[in-house]
Amino acid sequence: MAQYRPLSRAGERRPGRACGRIEGRGTPRKMRPVRRKGGFNLFRREKKELNALQIKLKREFRINSMLRWLFMLTLLSIFIGFALVVSISPMTQAQGDYMWGELFVLPIPLASIVLGIVYRKKGYRCTKNIVAGAIVALYVCGMGLPSLFVGPSGTYDYGYVAQVGQAVGVEMPEQGRITTRDFGTRLSSNGKVNVLRDSHVIFEEQAQVDRLSGAVLEDERWTTDIRTELVGLLPYSYAGTFETGHYDRFMLYNATLDAYNTLPQESGEYKFYYLAYNTSLGTMDVTEYYLTVLV
């Protein structure tokens, strides 16, 4: 039931407050909490600043981590580039013609340089990224660009193996890989030796390798070493190949006289084929050259 104050001046009673309550509200006026706006805003501002600081620290940690990983990847890109060259080269002796594969890793050191400059301006310690990126980029360009402009140093026509086999009277395997430095014209190495071609061959079919190795071991034309008097007939740069242990059978064929492992009896210019073969691995070196002999 509503309570009324004493009569107003006009003699009327009006609804009023009772027991300190406001009509339509259930909370006593004296019990309502008092909000201090200044303290609450300070708390919110401090919390906001703390969150911003945490975000900044996390961002700096991510950037520093990224720069460290990029620095290490830049150094590793040297080895990554070489691994790419090895993977795309048909054989070890042909790697020089495929050094352009190094250029595939060039974006890594370039990224290290660019990001190093950008974040160094923002106060990060990343000078090492710039230095490492510059050194690796120069190395990669120095190794990869010449092979693009100079061109291949050899040919890879396996048909040359059949030609050699026909010339020396040896049946060669039909499958394999070859790298041949074809000098086109005679290349004089020491005044009397003129190298025409120099080849390295890897026979791939194991059954054919076994057949060739078996035939070589039974063929007297293939010797286990080069006799002292014949060493002078070898190309100068290949005279020691029989001492390296990479090959165990050798053949020196005089195409002019159709003779094997013999010293010419007369002075003159002769065409030779020098073959060195590994019966276990199925690899062979072939050198075709002209030699001026003085008796």
Protein backbone atom coordinates (compact mmCIF):
# COMPACT_ATOMS: atom_id res chain seq x y z
CA MET A 1 0.00 0.00 0.00
CA ALA A 2 1.37 3.40 -0.99
CA GLN A 3 2.25 5.79 1.77
CA TYR A 4 1.50 9.51 1.54
CA ARG A 5 3.22 12.55 2.84
CA PRO A 6 1.38 15.25 4.65
CA LEU A 7 -0.90 17.45 2.61
CA SER A 8 0.73 19.81 0.23
CA ARG A 9 -0.01 23.38 0.06
CA ALA A 10 -2.94 22.61 -2.22
CA GLY A 11 -4.23 20.11 0.28
CA GLU A 12 -3.48 17.08 -1.81
CA ARG A 13 -1.48 13.97 -0.96
CA ARG A 14 1.20 12.83 -3.39
CA PRO A 15 3.06 9.53 -3.65
CA GLY A 16 6.51 9.82 -2.10
CA ARG A 17 9.53 7.84 -0.96
CA ALA A 18 9.12 5.28 1.74
CA CYS A 19 11.92 3.66 3.73
CA GLY A 20 14.51 5.17 1.41
CA ARG A 21 13.35 3.24 -1.66
CA ILE A 22 12.76 4.60 -5.12
CA GLU A 23 9.51 3.60 -6.71
CA GLY A 24 10.02 0.91 -9.32
CA ARG A 25 13.47 -0.08 -7.98
CA GLY A 26 14.31 -2.79 -5.51
CA THR A 27 17.68 -1.56 -4.21
CA PRO A 28 17.82 0.91 -1.35
CA ARG A 29 19.48 4.14 -2.34
CA LYS A 30 22.03 3.91 0.42
CA MET A 31 23.07 0.35 -0.71
CA ARG A 32 23.88 1.16 -4.35
CA PRO A 33 27.66 0.86 -5.05
CA VAL A 34 29.54 3.99 -5.88
CA ARG A 35 31.71 3.69 -9.01
CA ARG A 36 34.96 5.55 -9.11
CA LYS A 37 35.44 6.25 -12.79
CA GLY A 38 39.03 7.46 -12.44
CA GLY A 39 40.36 4.23 -10.88
CA PHE A 40 38.53 1.96 -13.32
CA ASN A 41 39.88 3.82 -16.34
CA LEU A 42 43.41 3.60 -14.91
CA PHE A 43 43.07 -0.19 -14.56
CA ARG A 44 41.83 -0.54 -18.11
CA ARG A 45 44.67 1.64 -19.41
CA GLU A 46 47.31 -0.38 -17.56
CA LYS A 47 45.86 -3.65 -18.83
CA LYS A 48 45.80 -2.33 -22.38
CA GLU A 49 49.44 -1.20 -22.14
CA LEU A 50 50.44 -4.61 -20.75
CA ASN A 51 48.73 -6.40 -23.63
CA ALA A 52 50.42 -4.11 -26.15
CA LEU A 53 53.81 -4.81 -24.53
CA GLN A 54 53.23 -8.57 -24.69
CA ILE A 55 52.24 -8.34 -28.35
CA LYS A 56 55.35 -6.27 -29.09
CA LEU A 57 57.64 -8.75 -27.31
CA LYS A 58 56.10 -11.70 -29.14
CA ARG A 59 56.49 -9.89 -32.45
CA GLU A 60 60.15 -9.08 -31.72
CA PHE A 61 60.78 -12.71 -30.73
CA ARG A 62 59.26 -13.95 -33.99
CA ILE A 63 61.30 -11.50 -36.06
CA ASN A 64 64.56 -12.35 -34.27
CA SER A 65 63.86 -16.07 -34.70
CA MET A 66 63.12 -15.56 -38.38
CA LEU A 67 66.36 -13.62 -38.88
CA ARG A 68 68.41 -16.30 -37.10
CA TRP A 69 66.88 -19.10 -39.17
CA LEU A 70 67.39 -17.09 -42.35
CA PHE A 71 71.05 -16.54 -41.44
CA MET A 72 71.63 -20.27 -40.96
CA LEU A 73 69.70 -21.11 -44.14
CA THR A 74 71.84 -18.61 -46.04
CA LEU A 75 75.01 -20.43 -44.98
CA LEU A 76 73.47 -23.81 -45.77
CA SER A 77 72.39 -22.62 -49.23
CA ILE A 78 75.99 -23.14 -50.42
CA PHE A 79 75.68 -26.86 -49.73
CA ILE A 80 72.08 -26.96 -50.97
CA GLY A 81 73.17 -25.47 -54.28
CA PHE A 82 75.97 -27.99 -54.67
CA ALA A 83 73.55 -30.82 -53.88
CA LEU A 84 71.27 -29.54 -56.65
CA VAL A 85 74.18 -29.53 -59.10
CA VAL A 86 75.03 -33.12 -58.20
CA SER A 87 71.40 -34.22 -58.55
CA ILE A 88 70.93 -32.77 -62.04
CA SER A 89 74.37 -33.75 -63.41
CA PRO A 90 74.39 -37.01 -65.38
CA MET A 91 77.79 -37.87 -63.89
CA THR A 92 80.50 -36.38 -61.70
CA GLN A 93 82.70 -35.32 -64.62
CA ALA A 94 79.82 -33.27 -66.06
CA GLN A 95 79.15 -31.17 -62.97
CA GLY A 96 81.04 -28.21 -64.37
CA ASP A 97 78.45 -27.83 -67.12
CA TYR A 98 75.58 -27.88 -64.60
CA MET A 99 76.85 -25.32 -62.12
CA TRP A 100 73.93 -23.10 -63.13
CA GLY A 101 71.97 -25.21 -60.65
CA GLU A 102 73.59 -23.08 -57.93
CA LEU A 103 71.43 -20.16 -59.07
CA PHE A 104 68.28 -21.85 -57.75
CA VAL A 105 69.34 -20.95 -54.19
CA LEU A 106 70.13 -17.31 -55.02
CA PRO A 107 66.77 -16.02 -53.61
CA ILE A 108 67.84 -17.16 -50.12
CA PRO A 109 70.89 -14.87 -49.72
CA LEU A 110 69.05 -12.06 -51.50
CA ALA A 111 66.20 -12.35 -48.99
CA SER A 112 68.76 -12.27 -46.18
CA ILE A 113 70.20 -9.03 -47.54
CA VAL A 114 66.85 -7.30 -48.07
CA LEU A 115 65.29 -8.31 -44.75
CA GLY A 116 68.55 -7.53 -42.96
CA ILE A 117 68.50 -3.97 -44.30
CA VAL A 118 64.79 -3.50 -43.51
CA TYR A 119 64.95 -4.72 -39.92
CA ARG A 120 68.29 -3.10 -39.19
CA LYS A 121 66.62 0.25 -39.84
CA LYS A 122 64.00 -0.75 -37.26
CA GLY A 123 66.63 -1.36 -34.62
CA TYR A 124 67.18 -5.11 -34.91
CA ARG A 125 70.68 -6.58 -34.74
CA CYS A 126 70.91 -8.31 -38.11
CA THR A 127 74.14 -7.06 -39.69
CA LYS A 128 75.28 -10.68 -39.96
CA ASN A 129 72.34 -11.38 -42.28
CA ILE A 130 73.48 -8.66 -44.64
CA VAL A 131 77.13 -9.75 -44.62
CA ALA A 132 76.38 -13.47 -45.00
CA GLY A 133 73.82 -12.80 -47.72
CA ALA A 134 76.25 -10.67 -49.72
CA ILE A 135 79.08 -13.23 -49.49
CA VAL A 136 76.87 -16.19 -50.41
CA ALA A 137 75.17 -14.29 -53.24
CA LEU A 138 78.54 -13.42 -54.78
CA TYR A 139 79.69 -17.02 -54.43
CA VAL A 140 76.54 -18.43 -56.03
CA CYS A 141 76.69 -15.98 -58.93
CA GLY A 142 80.39 -16.63 -59.43
CA MET A 143 79.83 -20.37 -59.60
CA GLY A 144 76.58 -20.45 -61.55
CA LEU A 145 76.69 -17.66 -64.12
CA PRO A 146 79.79 -18.77 -66.11
CA SER A 147 78.16 -22.08 -67.04
CA LEU A 148 75.24 -20.15 -68.56
CA PHE A 149 77.36 -17.91 -70.77
CA VAL A 150 80.42 -20.04 -71.52
CA GLY A 151 78.42 -23.09 -72.57
CA PRO A 152 79.09 -26.78 -71.98
CA SER A 153 82.67 -27.96 -71.77
CA GLY A 154 81.83 -31.42 -73.10
CA THR A 155 79.36 -33.57 -74.98
CA TYR A 156 77.24 -36.46 -73.77
CA ASP A 157 76.73 -38.56 -76.88
CA TYR A 158 77.00 -42.20 -75.85
CA GLY A 159 77.37 -43.16 -79.50
CA TYR A 160 81.06 -42.30 -79.21
CA VAL A 161 81.53 -45.42 -77.05
CA ALA A 162 80.45 -47.61 -79.96
CA GLN A 163 82.90 -45.80 -82.24
CA VAL A 164 85.76 -46.44 -79.83
CA GLY A 165 84.76 -50.07 -79.43
CA GLN A 166 84.76 -50.54 -83.18
CA ALA A 167 88.14 -48.83 -83.51
CA VAL A 168 89.91 -50.91 -80.84
CA GLY A 169 88.04 -54.15 -81.48
CA VAL A 170 86.13 -54.36 -78.18
CA GLU A 171 82.39 -54.94 -77.85
CA MET A 172 81.09 -52.18 -75.58
CA PRO A 173 77.87 -52.21 -73.49
CA GLU A 174 74.89 -50.58 -75.14
CA GLN A 175 73.76 -48.59 -72.10
CA GLY A 176 75.67 -46.06 -70.09
CA ARG A 177 76.57 -42.43 -69.56
CA ILE A 178 79.47 -40.52 -71.02
CA THR A 179 81.13 -37.15 -70.71
CA THR A 180 83.44 -36.23 -73.57
CA ARG A 181 85.65 -33.20 -73.89
CA ASP A 182 85.77 -32.83 -77.64
CA PHE A 183 88.54 -30.42 -78.53
CA GLY A 184 87.44 -30.34 -82.17
CA THR A 185 90.92 -29.68 -83.49
CA ARG A 186 94.16 -31.04 -82.19
CA LEU A 187 95.08 -29.72 -78.78
CA SER A 188 98.81 -29.76 -78.16
CA SER A 189 99.59 -30.49 -74.51
CA ASN A 190 103.38 -30.75 -74.53
CA GLY A 191 104.55 -30.12 -78.09
CA LYS A 192 104.25 -33.69 -79.37
CA VAL A 193 100.89 -34.90 -77.99
CA ASN A 194 97.72 -33.63 -79.67
CA VAL A 195 94.58 -34.66 -77.78
CA LEU A 196 91.38 -35.01 -79.82
CA ARG A 197 88.90 -36.33 -77.25
CA ASP A 198 88.90 -37.26 -73.62
CA SER A 199 85.96 -39.28 -72.26
CA HIS A 200 84.76 -40.75 -68.99
CA VAL A 201 82.21 -43.56 -69.28
CA ILE A 202 79.93 -45.24 -66.73
CA PHE A 203 78.25 -48.44 -67.89
CA GLU A 204 74.84 -48.82 -66.25
CA GLU A 205 73.52 -52.30 -67.09
CA GLN A 206 75.10 -54.70 -64.62
CA ALA A 207 74.70 -57.75 -66.84
CA GLN A 208 76.54 -55.97 -69.65
CA VAL A 209 79.21 -54.79 -67.22
CA ASP A 210 79.78 -58.35 -66.03
CA ARG A 211 80.03 -59.57 -69.61
CA LEU A 212 82.53 -56.85 -70.56
CA SER A 213 84.59 -57.35 -67.39
CA GLY A 214 84.76 -61.09 -67.99
CA ALA A 215 85.93 -60.55 -71.56
CA VAL A 216 88.50 -57.97 -70.48
CA LEU A 217 89.99 -60.25 -67.83
CA GLU A 218 90.50 -62.98 -70.44
CA ASP A 219 91.79 -60.67 -73.19
CA GLU A 220 95.58 -60.37 -73.37
CA ARG A 221 95.28 -56.97 -75.02
CA TRP A 222 94.21 -55.60 -71.64
CA THR A 223 97.17 -55.38 -69.25
CA THR A 224 97.33 -54.90 -65.49
CA ASP A 225 99.80 -52.03 -65.84
CA ILE A 226 101.66 -49.97 -68.40
CA ARG A 227 105.20 -51.07 -69.13
CA THR A 228 107.88 -48.51 -68.44
CA GLU A 229 108.89 -48.16 -72.08
CA LEU A 230 105.27 -47.39 -73.03
CA VAL A 231 104.66 -44.66 -70.44
CA GLY A 232 106.15 -42.12 -72.82
CA LEU A 233 103.41 -42.92 -75.33
CA LEU A 234 100.64 -41.79 -72.99
CA PRO A 235 99.23 -38.26 -72.99
CA TYR A 236 101.19 -36.25 -70.43
CA SER A 237 98.25 -35.52 -68.14
CA TYR A 238 97.14 -39.19 -68.16
CA ALA A 239 100.49 -40.86 -67.71
CA GLY A 240 99.82 -41.60 -64.04
CA THR A 241 96.24 -42.86 -64.21
CA PHE A 242 97.33 -46.49 -63.91
CA GLU A 243 98.97 -45.64 -60.57
CA THR A 244 95.88 -44.12 -58.93
CA GLY A 245 94.15 -47.43 -58.24
CA HIS A 246 90.94 -46.30 -59.94
CA TYR A 247 91.47 -48.77 -62.78
CA ASP A 248 92.84 -52.29 -63.00
CA ARG A 249 93.02 -52.94 -66.77
CA PHE A 250 94.66 -50.84 -69.49
CA MET A 251 94.96 -50.83 -73.27
CA LEU A 252 97.15 -48.72 -75.55
CA TYR A 253 96.05 -49.10 -79.16
CA ASN A 254 98.03 -47.70 -82.09
CA ALA A 255 95.37 -47.11 -84.73
CA THR A 256 97.94 -46.15 -87.36
CA LEU A 257 99.79 -49.48 -87.09
CA ASP A 258 96.87 -51.52 -85.76
CA ALA A 259 99.04 -52.63 -82.85
CA TYR A 260 98.41 -53.02 -79.12
CA ASN A 261 100.74 -52.04 -76.29
CA THR A 262 103.81 -51.77 -78.50
CA LEU A 263 106.40 -49.11 -79.16
CA PRO A 264 106.67 -47.93 -82.81
CA GLN A 265 109.95 -48.84 -84.49
CA GLU A 266 110.06 -45.74 -86.68
CA SER A 267 109.73 -42.05 -86.00
CA GLY A 268 106.53 -40.39 -87.09
CA GLU A 269 103.08 -39.25 -86.01
CA TYR A 270 100.70 -41.96 -84.83
CA LYS A 271 97.10 -42.02 -83.71
CA PHE A 272 96.47 -43.71 -80.37
CA TYR A 273 93.57 -44.76 -78.16
CA TYR A 274 94.31 -45.08 -74.47
CA LEU A 275 91.70 -47.02 -72.44
CA ALA A 276 91.64 -47.53 -68.66
CA TYR A 277 88.90 -49.76 -67.22
CA ASN A 278 87.64 -50.70 -63.75
CA THR A 279 86.33 -54.26 -63.94
CA SER A 280 84.47 -53.97 -60.62
CA LEU A 281 82.70 -50.63 -61.07
CA GLY A 282 82.23 -50.70 -64.83
CA THR A 283 83.86 -47.30 -65.45
CA MET A 284 86.24 -46.43 -68.27
CA ASP A 285 88.43 -43.55 -69.37
CA VAL A 286 89.14 -43.13 -73.09
CA THR A 287 91.62 -40.72 -74.65
CA GLU A 288 91.97 -40.31 -78.40
CA TYR A 289 95.10 -38.46 -79.48
CA TYR A 290 97.95 -38.06 -81.96
CA LEU A 291 101.51 -38.57 -80.82
CA THR A 292 104.77 -37.69 -82.54
CA VAL A 293 107.29 -40.46 -81.83
CA LEU A 294 111.02 -40.00 -82.19
CA VAL A 295 113.06 -43.22 -82.33
